[in-house]
C-alpha atoms as a PDB file:
ATOM      1  CA  MET A   1     -26.705 -38.743 -21.858  1.00  0.00           C
ATOM      2  CA  ILE A   2     -28.820 -41.291 -23.686  1.00  0.00           C
ATOM      3  CA  THR A   3     -26.352 -44.111 -23.005  1.00  0.00           C
ATOM      4  CA  ASN A   4     -25.649 -43.113 -19.381  1.00  0.00           C
ATOM      5  CA  SER A   5     -22.051 -42.363 -20.297  1.00  0.00           C
ATOM      6  CA  LEU A   6     -21.926 -38.749 -19.182  1.00  0.00           C
ATOM      7  CA  VAL A   7     -20.037 -39.636 -16.006  1.00  0.00           C
ATOM      8  CA  LYS A   8     -18.046 -42.788 -15.495  1.00  0.00           C
ATOM      9  CA  ILE A   9     -16.754 -43.360 -11.996  1.00  0.00           C
ATOM     10  CA  LYS A  10     -13.508 -45.285 -11.808  1.00  0.00           C
ATOM     11  CA  GLU A  11     -13.073 -47.924  -9.142  1.00  0.00           C
ATOM     12  CA  HIS A  12      -9.270 -48.053  -9.279  1.00  0.00           C
ATOM     13  CA  PRO A  13      -6.360 -45.908 -10.419  1.00  0.00           C
ATOM     14  CA  PRO A  14      -5.121 -46.339 -13.998  1.00  0.00           C
ATOM     15  CA  PHE A  15      -2.017 -48.225 -12.847  1.00  0.00           C
ATOM     16  CA  THR A  16      -1.391 -51.561 -11.206  1.00  0.00           C
ATOM     17  CA  ALA A  17       0.150 -51.791  -7.743  1.00  0.00           C
ATOM     18  CA  ASP A  18       3.562 -52.696  -9.154  1.00  0.00           C
ATOM     19  CA  LEU A  19       3.513 -49.594 -11.406  1.00  0.00           C
ATOM     20  CA  GLU A  20       2.442 -47.139  -8.710  1.00  0.00           C
ATOM     21  CA  ALA A  21       5.902 -45.809  -7.818  1.00  0.00           C
ATOM     22  CA  PRO A  22       7.244 -45.743 -11.407  1.00  0.00           C
ATOM     23  CA  VAL A  23       4.126 -43.881 -12.577  1.00  0.00           C
ATOM     24  CA  LEU A  24       3.978 -41.351  -9.732  1.00  0.00           C
ATOM     25  CA  LEU A  25       7.727 -40.646  -9.805  1.00  0.00           C
ATOM     26  CA  ASN A  26       8.042 -40.393 -13.584  1.00  0.00           C
ATOM     27  CA  PRO A  27       7.044 -37.062 -15.162  1.00  0.00           C
ATOM     28  CA  LEU A  28       7.115 -38.741 -18.587  1.00  0.00           C
ATOM     29  CA  ALA A  29       4.574 -41.462 -17.720  1.00  0.00           C
ATOM     30  CA  ARG A  30       1.527 -41.138 -19.958  1.00  0.00           C
ATOM     31  CA  VAL A  31      -1.830 -42.854 -19.678  1.00  0.00           C
ATOM     32  CA  THR A  32      -3.455 -44.529 -22.698  1.00  0.00           C
ATOM     33  CA  ARG A  33      -7.021 -45.647 -23.403  1.00  0.00           C
ATOM     34  CA  ASP A  34      -7.465 -49.305 -24.317  1.00  0.00           C
ATOM     35  CA  LYS A  35     -10.151 -50.794 -26.624  1.00  0.00           C
ATOM     36  CA  THR A  36     -12.725 -50.983 -23.807  1.00  0.00           C
ATOM     37  CA  GLY A  37     -12.262 -47.327 -22.921  1.00  0.00           C
ATOM     38  CA  GLU A  38     -10.279 -48.037 -19.742  1.00  0.00           C
ATOM     39  CA  LEU A  39      -7.345 -45.805 -18.933  1.00  0.00           C
ATOM     40  CA  SER A  40      -4.073 -47.509 -18.077  1.00  0.00           C
ATOM     41  CA  PHE A  41      -0.335 -47.111 -18.196  1.00  0.00           C
ATOM     42  CA  PRO A  42       1.718 -49.426 -20.399  1.00  0.00           C
ATOM     43  CA  PRO A  43       3.737 -52.027 -18.481  1.00  0.00           C
ATOM     44  CA  LYS A  44       6.957 -50.621 -19.993  1.00  0.00           C
ATOM     45  CA  LEU A  45       7.125 -46.915 -19.192  1.00  0.00           C
ATOM     46  CA  ILE A  46       9.371 -44.324 -20.768  1.00  0.00           C
ATOM     47  CA  SER A  47      12.329 -43.945 -18.445  1.00  0.00           C
ATOM     48  CA  ALA A  48      12.313 -40.987 -16.103  1.00  0.00           C
ATOM     49  CA  PRO A  49      15.043 -38.483 -16.879  1.00  0.00           C
ATOM     50  CA  THR A  50      18.244 -38.890 -14.929  1.00  0.00           C
ATOM     51  CA  PRO A  51      18.829 -35.836 -12.744  1.00  0.00           C
ATOM     52  CA  ASP A  52      21.805 -33.705 -13.743  1.00  0.00           C
ATOM     53  CA  LEU A  53      24.010 -33.595 -10.646  1.00  0.00           C
ATOM     54  CA  ALA A  54      26.876 -31.748 -12.308  1.00  0.00           C
ATOM     55  CA  ASN A  55      26.045 -28.444 -10.636  1.00  0.00           C
ATOM     56  CA  LEU A  56      25.219 -29.893  -7.223  1.00  0.00           C
ATOM     57  CA  SER A  57      28.578 -29.011  -5.672  1.00  0.00           C
ATOM     58  CA  ILE A  58      28.355 -25.445  -7.007  1.00  0.00           C
ATOM     59  CA  VAL A  59      24.868 -25.033  -5.543  1.00  0.00           C
ATOM     60  CA  LYS A  60      26.031 -26.393  -2.173  1.00  0.00           C
ATOM     61  CA  GLU A  61      28.952 -23.943  -2.070  1.00  0.00           C
ATOM     62  CA  THR A  62      26.716 -21.026  -3.019  1.00  0.00           C
ATOM     63  CA  LEU A  63      24.271 -21.886  -0.260  1.00  0.00           C
ATOM     64  CA  LYS A  64      27.120 -22.134   2.255  1.00  0.00           C
ATOM     65  CA  LYS A  65      28.322 -18.661   1.274  1.00  0.00           C
ATOM     66  CA  SER A  66      24.860 -17.166   1.755  1.00  0.00           C
ATOM     67  CA  GLY A  67      24.912 -18.025   5.448  1.00  0.00           C
ATOM     68  CA  ASP A  68      22.935 -20.425   7.538  1.00  0.00           C
ATOM     69  CA  THR A  69      19.215 -20.099   6.995  1.00  0.00           C
ATOM     70  CA  ALA A  70      17.222 -19.448  10.138  1.00  0.00           C
ATOM     71  CA  GLY A  71      13.841 -19.404   8.429  1.00  0.00           C
ATOM     72  CA  VAL A  72      11.993 -18.826   5.196  1.00  0.00           C
ATOM     73  CA  GLY A  73       8.705 -17.015   4.678  1.00  0.00           C
ATOM     74  CA  VAL A  74       6.395 -16.479   1.734  1.00  0.00           C
ATOM     75  CA  ASP A  75       3.195 -14.500   1.343  1.00  0.00           C
ATOM     76  CA  GLN A  76       0.813 -13.716  -1.485  1.00  0.00           C
ATOM     77  CA  GLU A  77      -1.868 -11.018  -1.479  1.00  0.00           C
ATOM     78  CA  LEU A  78      -4.668 -10.086  -3.851  1.00  0.00           C
ATOM     79  CA  ILE A  79      -4.101  -6.465  -4.891  1.00  0.00           C
ATOM     80  CA  SER A  80      -7.780  -5.647  -5.408  1.00  0.00           C
ATOM     81  CA  SER A  81      -8.625  -6.497  -1.797  1.00  0.00           C
ATOM     82  CA  PHE A  82      -5.758  -4.585  -0.187  1.00  0.00           C
ATOM     83  CA  PRO A  83      -6.920  -1.593   1.930  1.00  0.00           C
ATOM     84  CA  SER A  84      -4.309   0.953   0.780  1.00  0.00           C
ATOM     85  CA  HIS A  85      -7.116   3.518   0.492  1.00  0.00           C
ATOM     86  CA  ASN A  86      -7.537   3.414   4.298  1.00  0.00           C
ATOM     87  CA  PRO A  87      -5.201   6.077   5.788  1.00  0.00           C
ATOM     88  CA  THR A  88      -5.420   4.599   9.301  1.00  0.00           C
ATOM     89  CA  PHE A  89      -4.316   1.199   8.032  1.00  0.00           C
ATOM     90  CA  VAL A  90      -1.463   2.708   6.007  1.00  0.00           C
ATOM     91  CA  THR A  91      -0.207   4.898   8.869  1.00  0.00           C
ATOM     92  CA  ARG A  92      -0.396   2.018  11.336  1.00  0.00           C
ATOM     93  CA  ASN A  93       1.520  -0.473   9.163  1.00  0.00           C
ATOM     94  CA  PHE A  94       3.924   1.477   6.946  1.00  0.00           C
ATOM     95  CA  THR A  95       6.738   3.906   7.761  1.00  0.00           C
ATOM     96  CA  ASP A  96       6.806   7.398   6.248  1.00  0.00           C
ATOM     97  CA  LYS A  97       9.578   6.345   3.830  1.00  0.00           C
ATOM     98  CA  GLU A  98       7.560   3.325   2.667  1.00  0.00           C
ATOM     99  CA  VAL A  99       4.451   5.477   2.168  1.00  0.00           C
ATOM    100  CA  ALA A 100       6.434   8.033   0.152  1.00  0.00           C
ATOM    101  CA  TYR A 101       7.947   5.297  -2.028  1.00  0.00           C
ATOM    102  CA  CYS A 102       4.637   3.496  -2.675  1.00  0.00           C
ATOM    103  CA  ASN A 103       2.735   6.713  -3.446  1.00  0.00           C
ATOM    104  CA  ALA A 104       5.402   7.683  -6.016  1.00  0.00           C
ATOM    105  CA  GLN A 105       4.933   4.442  -7.982  1.00  0.00           C
ATOM    106  CA  PRO A 106       2.715   4.084 -11.085  1.00  0.00           C
ATOM    107  CA  ASN A 107       0.409   1.713  -9.174  1.00  0.00           C
ATOM    108  CA  PRO A 108       0.569   2.657  -5.471  1.00  0.00           C
ATOM    109  CA  THR A 109      -1.903  -0.048  -4.426  1.00  0.00           C
ATOM    110  CA  ALA A 110       0.258  -2.765  -6.008  1.00  0.00           C
ATOM    111  CA  SER A 111       3.350  -1.310  -4.306  1.00  0.00           C
ATOM    112  CA  PHE A 112       1.648  -1.196  -0.906  1.00  0.00           C
ATOM    113  CA  THR A 113       0.402  -4.763  -1.404  1.00  0.00           C
ATOM    114  CA  ALA A 114       3.875  -6.030  -2.339  1.00  0.00           C
ATOM    115  CA  ARG A 115       5.379  -4.299   0.730  1.00  0.00           C
ATOM    116  CA  TRP A 116       2.664  -5.858   2.924  1.00  0.00           C
ATOM    117  CA  ALA A 117       3.337  -9.323   1.460  1.00  0.00           C
ATOM    118  CA  GLY A 118       7.027  -8.676   2.176  1.00  0.00           C
ATOM    119  CA  LYS A 119       6.322  -7.764   5.795  1.00  0.00           C
ATOM    120  CA  GLU A 120       4.241 -10.940   6.219  1.00  0.00           C
ATOM    121  CA  ALA A 121       6.999 -13.050   4.627  1.00  0.00           C
ATOM    122  CA  VAL A 122       9.634 -11.474   6.909  1.00  0.00           C
ATOM    123  CA  PHE A 123       7.451 -12.116   9.948  1.00  0.00           C
ATOM    124  CA  LYS A 124       7.126 -15.771   8.937  1.00  0.00           C
ATOM    125  CA  SER A 125      10.869 -16.105   8.277  1.00  0.00           C
ATOM    126  CA  LEU A 126      11.615 -14.876  11.809  1.00  0.00           C
ATOM    127  CA  GLY A 127       9.527 -17.738  13.228  1.00  0.00           C
ATOM    128  CA  VAL A 128       8.075 -15.703  16.088  1.00  0.00           C
ATOM    129  CA  ALA A 129       4.687 -15.990  17.747  1.00  0.00           C
ATOM    130  CA  SER A 130       1.954 -13.839  16.246  1.00  0.00           C
ATOM    131  CA  LYS A 131       0.511 -10.905  18.150  1.00  0.00           C
ATOM    132  CA  GLY A 132      -2.710 -11.237  16.175  1.00  0.00           C
ATOM    133  CA  ALA A 133      -4.309  -9.445  13.281  1.00  0.00           C
ATOM    134  CA  GLY A 134      -4.370  -6.114  15.114  1.00  0.00           C
ATOM    135  CA  ALA A 135      -0.589  -5.861  15.550  1.00  0.00           C
ATOM    136  CA  PRO A 136       1.043  -3.122  13.440  1.00  0.00           C
ATOM    137  CA  MET A 137       3.793  -4.054  10.975  1.00  0.00           C
ATOM    138  CA  ARG A 138       5.763  -0.785  11.116  1.00  0.00           C
ATOM    139  CA  ASP A 139       8.597  -2.606  12.907  1.00  0.00           C
ATOM    140  CA  ILE A 140       9.375  -4.327   9.606  1.00  0.00           C
ATOM    141  CA  GLU A 141      10.489  -1.731   7.061  1.00  0.00           C
ATOM    142  CA  ILE A 142      11.287  -2.585   3.446  1.00  0.00           C
ATOM    143  CA  LEU A 143      13.200   0.067   1.504  1.00  0.00           C
ATOM    144  CA  LEU A 144      15.351   0.021  -1.624  1.00  0.00           C
ATOM    145  CA  ASP A 145      19.121   0.354  -1.430  1.00  0.00           C
ATOM    146  CA  GLU A 146      21.135   2.570  -3.817  1.00  0.00           C
ATOM    147  CA  SER A 147      20.945  -0.041  -6.570  1.00  0.00           C
ATOM    148  CA  GLY A 148      17.175  -0.556  -6.226  1.00  0.00           C
ATOM    149  CA  VAL A 149      17.268  -3.865  -4.332  1.00  0.00           C
ATOM    150  CA  PRO A 150      14.714  -4.202  -1.509  1.00  0.00           C
ATOM    151  CA  GLN A 151      16.322  -4.335   1.940  1.00  0.00           C
ATOM    152  CA  VAL A 152      14.713  -5.260   5.265  1.00  0.00           C
ATOM    153  CA  HIS A 153      15.225  -2.969   8.258  1.00  0.00           C
ATOM    154  CA  LEU A 154      13.919  -4.282  11.576  1.00  0.00           C
ATOM    155  CA  HIS A 155      12.878  -2.020  14.435  1.00  0.00           C
ATOM    156  CA  GLY A 156      11.331  -2.453  17.884  1.00  0.00           C
ATOM    157  CA  ASP A 157       9.796  -5.849  18.631  1.00  0.00           C
ATOM    158  CA  ALA A 158      10.804  -7.306  15.246  1.00  0.00           C
ATOM    159  CA  LYS A 159      14.443  -6.349  15.823  1.00  0.00           C
ATOM    160  CA  ALA A 160      14.349  -7.792  19.368  1.00  0.00           C
ATOM    161  CA  ALA A 161      12.836 -11.041  18.064  1.00  0.00           C
ATOM    162  CA  ALA A 162      15.543 -11.343  15.391  1.00  0.00           C
ATOM    163  CA  GLU A 163      18.327 -10.616  17.884  1.00  0.00           C
ATOM    164  CA  GLY A 164      16.827 -13.166  20.314  1.00  0.00           C
ATOM    165  CA  LYS A 165      17.212 -15.816  17.603  1.00  0.00           C
ATOM    166  CA  ASN A 166      20.656 -14.553  16.485  1.00  0.00           C
ATOM    167  CA  ILE A 167      19.303 -13.551  13.071  1.00  0.00           C
ATOM    168  CA  THR A 168      21.648 -11.058  11.460  1.00  0.00           C
ATOM    169  CA  GLN A 169      19.947 -10.398   8.133  1.00  0.00           C
ATOM    170  CA  VAL A 170      16.705 -10.982   6.245  1.00  0.00           C
ATOM    171  CA  HIS A 171      16.836 -11.213   2.456  1.00  0.00           C
ATOM    172  CA  ILE A 172      13.661 -10.265   0.601  1.00  0.00           C
ATOM    173  CA  SER A 173      12.247 -10.586  -2.900  1.00  0.00           C
ATOM    174  CA  LEU A 174       9.069  -8.729  -3.908  1.00  0.00           C
ATOM    175  CA  SER A 175       7.031  -9.010  -7.078  1.00  0.00           C
ATOM    176  CA  HIS A 176       3.570  -8.213  -8.343  1.00  0.00           C
ATOM    177  CA  SER A 177       1.415  -8.533 -11.429  1.00  0.00           C
ATOM    178  CA  ASP A 178      -1.734  -6.534 -12.123  1.00  0.00           C
ATOM    179  CA  THR A 179      -3.698  -8.733  -9.698  1.00  0.00           C
ATOM    180  CA  VAL A 180      -1.384 -10.426  -7.187  1.00  0.00           C
ATOM    181  CA  ALA A 181       1.640  -9.471  -5.080  1.00  0.00           C
ATOM    182  CA  ILE A 182       4.057 -12.074  -3.747  1.00  0.00           C
ATOM    183  CA  ALA A 183       7.118 -11.972  -1.490  1.00  0.00           C
ATOM    184  CA  PHE A 184       9.794 -14.383  -0.322  1.00  0.00           C
ATOM    185  CA  ALA A 185      11.986 -13.773   2.729  1.00  0.00           C
ATOM    186  CA  GLN A 186      14.989 -15.684   4.080  1.00  0.00           C
ATOM    187  CA  ALA A 187      16.323 -14.990   7.562  1.00  0.00           C
ATOM    188  CA  THR A 188      19.983 -15.877   8.111  1.00  0.00           C
ATOM    189  CA  PHE A 189      22.242 -16.244  11.141  1.00  0.00           C
END
């Protein structure tokens, strides 16, 4: 603080114009500090790793087998702010089977939050217009199959929206930690 060196505002990035692309596209590029204290990249950068394309054909074939993707959705929710304690909210947005499943879990709030994130992700994957925050989500039901894998069952307006877009199936993945729930959904033709 005595030498006015607490904050030093830079007037340019630490790379020259000719190094911009190699620096930004190279995960191995590292900045160094010169004798004057300026940060810069060396003119000769470590080469970026060459992508391994050996599995590209296998990945393409796997994606072809999974069907044509109609849409993808993702949602993340904070567990501590989820209103699973509100019976009106729960009844309005979850089916009886979902409520029974979530209440039987060690952390019901986390289970409700993960199901809600799943419903939001499914809604996004369908690519339909929103009916607003007051619309119930009971038409999107997420239950486990015999092997414990979450499955999406569409009813009512959600089913009609999927059929209108020729969507035959929605794949879902749910997960949660102690604080956050996240879901990914992929709608396929």
